[in-house]
C-alpha cells in the first residue's frame, strides 16, 4: 500500500498544562525526518496528513521542511508559510509535507483565541492564514521564535511562556467558572450555558448568535461534530478490544436516524464512509492524527 504505516515516523498528542485549561485543547507533534535520516524514502502519500472537520482553531509551525494543502481535486496548492493559523473547519482537509517535515501544531478553543487576539472567528472559518493577520507585534515575535525552535519541547515551552500571561488576563471573562471537560460535547454545553448566562432574559436566538460569535459555528454544527466525535471514540474502543462494530447499532446509540444517516454525516465530516475511515485509520500513515486523537 502506497500509504501504509511507517515505523520511523513520529506522531504524538500531548495535553497542555492545567494553567492553560480552557484555552489550549491539545498539542500535536509530527516528525517525518527520522525516516529520511535513516535513508528510508517516504512516499508522497505517507507524507500526507488527513484531518476531519473540527470546531477548534489551530496554530501550526513547520520547524523543518515545508507544508502545502492538497485541494479537493487532489492537486497540490501553494506552499504555506512556516507559521499559520486556521479557523474551525466544516469539512475534511488534507496536507502534504516534504519528507524532512517536522511540525508543531496546537488545537486552541476559538473563544480563547478571540479573547486574546480580538479576531473575528467567523471570518476565519475554513481558512488558513499567516499569523501576521494578528495585528500585534508580540504575536509576530512569537511566530519568529516558534519557527526558530529546534525541537518539540522548546516549541512547547516558548508557546506556553507567551500564552500564560495573556490567558490569565482574559480567563475569567471567557470561563467565569471551571474549565469545560475534555471532549466536544462538554465544551459545547459550556458554551451554551455561558451564552444563556450572558443574556439573562433574552431569546434563545440571541444566545445562539453569541455561540456563533465565540465559536465561529452554529450550535447545530457543534452538535453534529460532537456526536460524530463520540461515535468515532466508540469505534476506536471496539477496535482496541477486538470487538465487532455493528453500524446500525452505533447509529442508534448516538442519535442518528439510521445507518445511512451515520454514513452521510461521517462522509461529510471526514470524506469517507465509516468503514473506509476505520480501515484507513488502522492502516494508512496519513491518518496519524485520528490515531493519536483518541
Protein backbone atom coordinates (compact mmCIF):
# COMPACT_ATOMS: atom_id res chain seq x y z
CA UNK A 1 0.00 0.00 0.00
CA UNK A 2 1.40 3.41 -1.03
CA UNK A 3 0.45 5.00 2.31
CA UNK A 4 0.97 2.07 4.66
CA UNK A 5 2.18 2.68 8.21
CA UNK A 6 5.87 3.51 8.51
CA UNK A 7 7.79 2.57 11.70
CA UNK A 8 10.16 5.58 11.62
CA UNK A 9 7.59 8.37 11.63
CA UNK A 10 6.55 10.10 14.87
CA UNK A 11 3.04 11.27 15.79
CA UNK A 12 2.26 12.45 19.31
CA UNK A 13 -0.55 14.17 21.18
CA UNK A 14 0.11 15.99 24.45
CA UNK A 15 -2.30 17.56 26.90
CA UNK A 16 -1.44 21.19 27.80
CA UNK A 17 -0.78 22.15 31.44
CA UNK A 18 -3.62 22.88 33.85
CA UNK A 19 -2.80 26.59 33.77
CA UNK A 20 -3.94 26.66 30.13
CA UNK A 21 -7.09 24.55 30.54
CA UNK A 22 -9.97 26.20 28.76
CA UNK A 23 -7.53 27.80 26.33
CA UNK A 24 -5.48 25.07 24.66
CA UNK A 25 -7.04 21.71 23.86
CA UNK A 26 -4.05 19.68 22.68
CA UNK A 27 -0.57 19.74 21.17
CA UNK A 28 0.20 17.63 18.11
CA UNK A 29 3.74 16.78 17.01
CA UNK A 30 4.54 15.24 13.64
CA UNK A 31 8.10 14.26 12.65
CA UNK A 32 8.99 12.61 9.36
CA UNK A 33 12.68 13.46 9.49
CA UNK A 34 13.78 10.28 11.31
CA UNK A 35 12.87 8.17 8.28
CA UNK A 36 14.86 10.45 5.99
CA UNK A 37 17.82 10.36 8.43
CA UNK A 38 17.79 6.56 8.24
CA UNK A 39 17.96 6.71 4.46
CA UNK A 40 14.38 5.48 4.06
CA UNK A 41 12.24 7.19 1.46
CA UNK A 42 8.66 8.03 2.35
CA UNK A 43 6.12 8.03 -0.46
CA UNK A 44 4.15 11.18 -1.21
CA UNK A 45 1.09 9.53 0.33
CA UNK A 46 2.97 8.75 3.56
CA UNK A 47 3.97 12.43 3.81
CA UNK A 48 0.33 13.48 3.79
CA UNK A 49 -1.95 14.24 6.73
CA UNK A 50 -5.73 13.92 6.77
CA UNK A 51 -7.75 15.96 9.26
CA UNK A 52 -11.54 15.85 9.82
CA UNK A 53 -13.89 18.76 10.40
CA UNK A 54 -13.32 20.39 13.78
CA UNK A 55 -14.86 23.19 15.87
CA UNK A 56 -11.40 24.12 17.18
CA UNK A 57 -8.94 26.65 15.79
CA UNK A 58 -5.34 25.72 15.08
CA UNK A 59 -1.87 27.22 15.25
CA UNK A 60 0.87 25.40 13.35
CA UNK A 61 4.57 25.83 12.78
CA UNK A 62 6.86 23.90 10.44
CA UNK A 63 10.16 23.59 12.32
CA UNK A 64 11.72 21.99 9.25
CA UNK A 65 10.51 21.20 5.77
CA UNK A 66 7.50 22.73 4.05
CA UNK A 67 3.77 22.03 4.05
CA UNK A 68 1.09 22.61 1.46
CA UNK A 69 -2.58 21.79 1.24
CA UNK A 70 -3.96 19.25 -1.22
CA UNK A 71 -7.09 20.58 -2.90
CA UNK A 72 -10.39 18.67 -3.17
CA UNK A 73 -9.42 17.59 -6.69
CA UNK A 74 -6.14 16.08 -5.44
CA UNK A 75 -3.96 18.85 -6.87
CA UNK A 76 -1.35 20.38 -4.52
CA UNK A 77 -1.77 24.07 -3.68
CA UNK A 78 0.94 26.65 -2.92
CA UNK A 79 3.37 26.06 -0.07
CA UNK A 80 2.11 27.56 3.19
CA UNK A 81 4.07 29.99 5.38
CA UNK A 82 6.04 28.28 8.15
CA UNK A 83 3.63 29.68 10.75
CA UNK A 84 -0.12 29.56 10.05
CA UNK A 85 -3.43 29.90 11.85
CA UNK A 86 -6.62 28.10 10.93
CA UNK A 87 -10.22 28.59 11.93
CA UNK A 88 -12.89 25.96 12.58
CA UNK A 89 -13.32 23.54 9.67
CA UNK A 90 -16.69 22.43 8.33
CA UNK A 91 -15.18 19.59 6.31
CA UNK A 92 -12.04 17.45 5.93
CA UNK A 93 -8.65 18.87 4.86
CA UNK A 94 -5.53 17.17 3.52
CA UNK A 95 -1.95 18.44 3.71
CA UNK A 96 1.38 17.24 2.38
CA UNK A 97 4.80 17.77 3.93
CA UNK A 98 8.25 17.39 2.47
CA UNK A 99 10.00 14.21 3.75
CA UNK A 100 12.09 16.24 6.21
CA UNK A 101 8.98 17.77 7.77
CA UNK A 102 8.70 18.44 11.50
CA UNK A 103 5.57 20.28 12.60
CA UNK A 104 4.28 21.55 15.95
CA UNK A 105 0.51 22.02 15.97
CA UNK A 106 -1.84 23.41 18.60
CA UNK A 107 -5.60 22.93 18.88
CA UNK A 108 -6.97 26.03 20.60
CA UNK A 109 -10.51 26.85 21.64
CA UNK A 110 -11.92 29.58 19.37
CA UNK A 111 -13.34 31.74 22.16
CA UNK A 112 -9.93 31.80 23.86
CA UNK A 113 -8.17 32.79 20.63
CA UNK A 114 -10.73 35.52 20.07
CA UNK A 115 -10.36 36.90 23.60
CA UNK A 116 -6.56 37.05 23.32
CA UNK A 117 -6.39 38.49 19.79
CA UNK A 118 -9.68 40.23 19.01
CA UNK A 119 -10.03 38.20 15.80
CA UNK A 120 -13.40 37.53 14.17
CA UNK A 121 -13.56 33.73 14.43
CA UNK A 122 -16.46 33.53 11.98
CA UNK A 123 -14.26 35.14 9.30
CA UNK A 124 -11.58 32.50 9.98
CA UNK A 125 -13.87 29.54 9.35
CA UNK A 126 -12.43 27.15 6.74
CA UNK A 127 -9.38 29.39 6.20
CA UNK A 128 -5.63 29.02 6.71
CA UNK A 129 -3.88 32.38 7.13
CA UNK A 130 -0.42 33.65 8.16
CA UNK A 131 -0.06 34.63 11.81
CA UNK A 132 0.74 38.14 10.58
CA UNK A 133 -3.05 38.56 10.33
CA UNK A 134 -2.95 39.19 14.10
CA UNK A 135 -2.25 42.92 14.35
CA UNK A 136 0.10 42.68 17.32
CA UNK A 137 3.93 42.79 17.17
CA UNK A 138 4.14 40.42 20.15
CA UNK A 139 2.38 37.69 18.15
CA UNK A 140 4.72 38.34 15.22
CA UNK A 141 7.68 37.88 17.57
CA UNK A 142 6.14 34.63 18.81
CA UNK A 143 5.85 33.42 15.23
CA UNK A 144 9.56 34.03 14.66
CA UNK A 145 10.54 32.39 17.95
CA UNK A 146 8.44 29.30 17.21
CA UNK A 147 9.95 28.90 13.76
CA UNK A 148 13.41 29.09 15.36
CA UNK A 149 12.59 26.44 17.99
CA UNK A 150 14.77 23.43 17.35
CA UNK A 151 12.51 20.74 18.76
CA UNK A 152 9.10 19.97 20.24
CA UNK A 153 9.93 20.68 23.93
CA UNK A 154 11.41 24.08 23.05
CA UNK A 155 8.41 24.96 20.90
CA UNK A 156 6.04 23.92 23.68
CA UNK A 157 7.85 26.00 26.35
CA UNK A 158 8.06 29.01 24.03
CA UNK A 159 4.33 28.92 23.34
CA UNK A 160 3.36 28.38 26.98
CA UNK A 161 5.56 31.24 28.20
CA UNK A 162 3.86 33.51 25.68
CA UNK A 163 0.27 32.42 26.26
CA UNK A 164 0.16 32.09 30.06
CA UNK A 165 0.06 35.82 30.93
CA UNK A 166 -2.33 36.56 28.07
CA UNK A 167 -4.66 33.74 29.06
CA UNK A 168 -4.66 34.81 32.71
CA UNK A 169 -5.74 38.30 31.64
CA UNK A 170 -8.88 37.02 29.86
CA UNK A 171 -9.57 33.69 31.59
CA UNK A 172 -12.30 34.88 33.94
CA UNK A 173 -14.20 36.60 31.15
CA UNK A 174 -14.01 33.52 28.92
CA UNK A 175 -14.73 30.83 31.50
CA UNK A 176 -16.37 32.51 34.51
CA UNK A 177 -16.07 29.14 36.31
CA UNK A 178 -14.24 25.83 35.98
CA UNK A 179 -12.90 24.85 32.54
CA UNK A 180 -15.16 22.63 30.41
CA UNK A 181 -14.41 18.90 30.44
CA UNK A 182 -12.42 17.42 27.57
CA UNK A 183 -14.39 16.43 24.55
CA UNK A 184 -16.53 18.43 22.16
CA UNK A 185 -19.78 17.63 24.00
CA UNK A 186 -18.68 19.13 27.31
CA UNK A 187 -17.24 22.19 25.62
CA UNK A 188 -20.43 22.73 23.60
CA UNK A 189 -22.55 22.56 26.77
CA UNK A 190 -20.20 25.02 28.47
CA UNK A 191 -20.61 27.48 25.58
CA UNK A 192 -24.39 27.14 25.68
CA UNK A 193 -24.57 27.78 29.44
CA UNK A 194 -22.25 30.78 29.12
CA UNK A 195 -24.37 32.21 26.29
CA UNK A 196 -27.55 31.84 28.32
CA UNK A 197 -25.96 33.42 31.40
CA UNK A 198 -24.59 36.34 29.36
CA UNK A 199 -28.05 37.25 28.10
CA UNK A 200 -30.38 36.51 31.01
CA UNK A 201 -33.96 37.10 29.98
CA UNK A 202 -33.20 37.28 26.26
CA UNK A 203 -34.21 34.94 23.44
CA UNK A 204 -32.75 31.60 22.50
CA UNK A 205 -31.88 33.08 19.10
CA UNK A 206 -29.69 35.70 20.77
CA UNK A 207 -27.92 33.00 22.78
CA UNK A 208 -27.25 31.08 19.56
CA UNK A 209 -25.83 34.24 17.95
CA UNK A 210 -23.40 34.58 20.86
CA UNK A 211 -22.34 30.95 20.46
CA UNK A 212 -21.61 31.55 16.78
CA UNK A 213 -19.69 34.74 17.61
CA UNK A 214 -17.47 32.87 20.10
CA UNK A 215 -17.04 29.61 18.19
CA UNK A 216 -17.40 30.62 14.55
CA UNK A 217 -20.09 27.98 14.04
CA UNK A 218 -23.77 27.47 14.76
CA UNK A 219 -24.96 25.40 17.72
CA UNK A 220 -26.34 22.85 15.25
CA UNK A 221 -22.92 22.44 13.60
CA UNK A 222 -21.29 21.96 17.00
CA UNK A 223 -23.84 19.29 17.90
CA UNK A 224 -23.14 17.38 14.68
CA UNK A 225 -19.37 17.26 15.18
CA UNK A 226 -19.80 16.45 18.87
CA UNK A 227 -21.98 13.45 18.01
CA UNK A 228 -19.51 12.31 15.37
CA UNK A 229 -16.60 12.50 17.83
CA UNK A 230 -18.48 10.35 20.35
CA UNK A 231 -19.31 7.75 17.69
CA UNK A 232 -15.69 7.68 16.49
CA UNK A 233 -14.43 7.15 20.03
CA UNK A 234 -16.77 4.17 20.42
CA UNK A 235 -15.44 2.66 17.19
CA UNK A 236 -11.85 3.08 18.36
CA UNK A 237 -12.65 1.43 21.71
CA UNK A 238 -14.27 -1.51 19.94
CA UNK A 239 -11.24 -1.85 17.66
CA UNK A 240 -8.86 -1.86 20.64
CA UNK A 241 -10.98 -4.55 22.34
CA UNK A 242 -11.25 -6.51 19.07
CA UNK A 243 -15.00 -6.08 19.17
CA UNK A 244 -17.33 -6.07 16.18
CA UNK A 245 -18.76 -2.74 15.04
CA UNK A 246 -22.44 -3.00 14.19
CA UNK A 247 -23.01 0.25 12.32
CA UNK A 248 -26.80 0.22 12.66
CA UNK A 249 -26.50 -0.15 16.45
CA UNK A 250 -23.82 2.55 16.62
CA UNK A 251 -26.08 4.91 14.67
CA UNK A 252 -28.95 4.28 17.07
CA UNK A 253 -26.79 4.69 20.16
CA UNK A 254 -25.61 8.13 19.03
CA UNK A 255 -28.90 9.58 17.87
CA UNK A 256 -28.63 9.17 14.10
CA UNK A 257 -31.86 8.46 12.25
CA UNK A 258 -30.40 5.27 10.76
CA UNK A 259 -27.18 3.78 9.41
CA UNK A 260 -27.48 5.76 6.18
CA UNK A 261 -27.65 8.98 8.20
CA UNK A 262 -24.46 7.99 10.05
CA UNK A 263 -22.74 7.29 6.73
CA UNK A 264 -23.73 10.66 5.25
CA UNK A 265 -22.54 12.61 8.28
CA UNK A 266 -19.26 10.67 8.53
CA UNK A 267 -18.54 11.27 4.85
CA UNK A 268 -19.33 14.99 5.18
CA UNK A 269 -17.02 15.44 8.17
CA UNK A 270 -14.17 13.11 7.15
CA UNK A 271 -14.56 12.49 3.44
CA UNK A 272 -15.04 8.73 3.88
CA UNK A 273 -17.68 6.18 4.78
CA UNK A 274 -17.47 4.85 8.37
CA UNK A 275 -15.95 1.51 7.35
CA UNK A 276 -13.45 3.09 4.94
CA UNK A 277 -12.44 5.62 7.58
CA UNK A 278 -12.00 2.83 10.12
CA UNK A 279 -9.75 0.90 7.72
CA UNK A 280 -7.65 3.94 6.84
CA UNK A 281 -7.12 4.92 10.47
CA UNK A 282 -5.80 1.41 11.15
CA UNK A 283 -3.63 1.04 8.04
CA UNK A 284 -2.85 4.42 6.48
CA UNK A 285 0.14 6.53 7.61
CA UNK A 286 -1.61 9.74 6.57
CA UNK A 287 -4.35 9.21 9.18
CA UNK A 288 -1.96 9.58 12.13
CA UNK A 289 -3.99 12.46 13.60
CA UNK A 290 -7.03 10.19 14.02
CA UNK A 291 -4.91 7.54 15.76
CA UNK A 292 -3.45 9.87 18.39
CA UNK A 293 -6.59 11.95 18.98
CA UNK A 294 -8.46 9.31 20.99
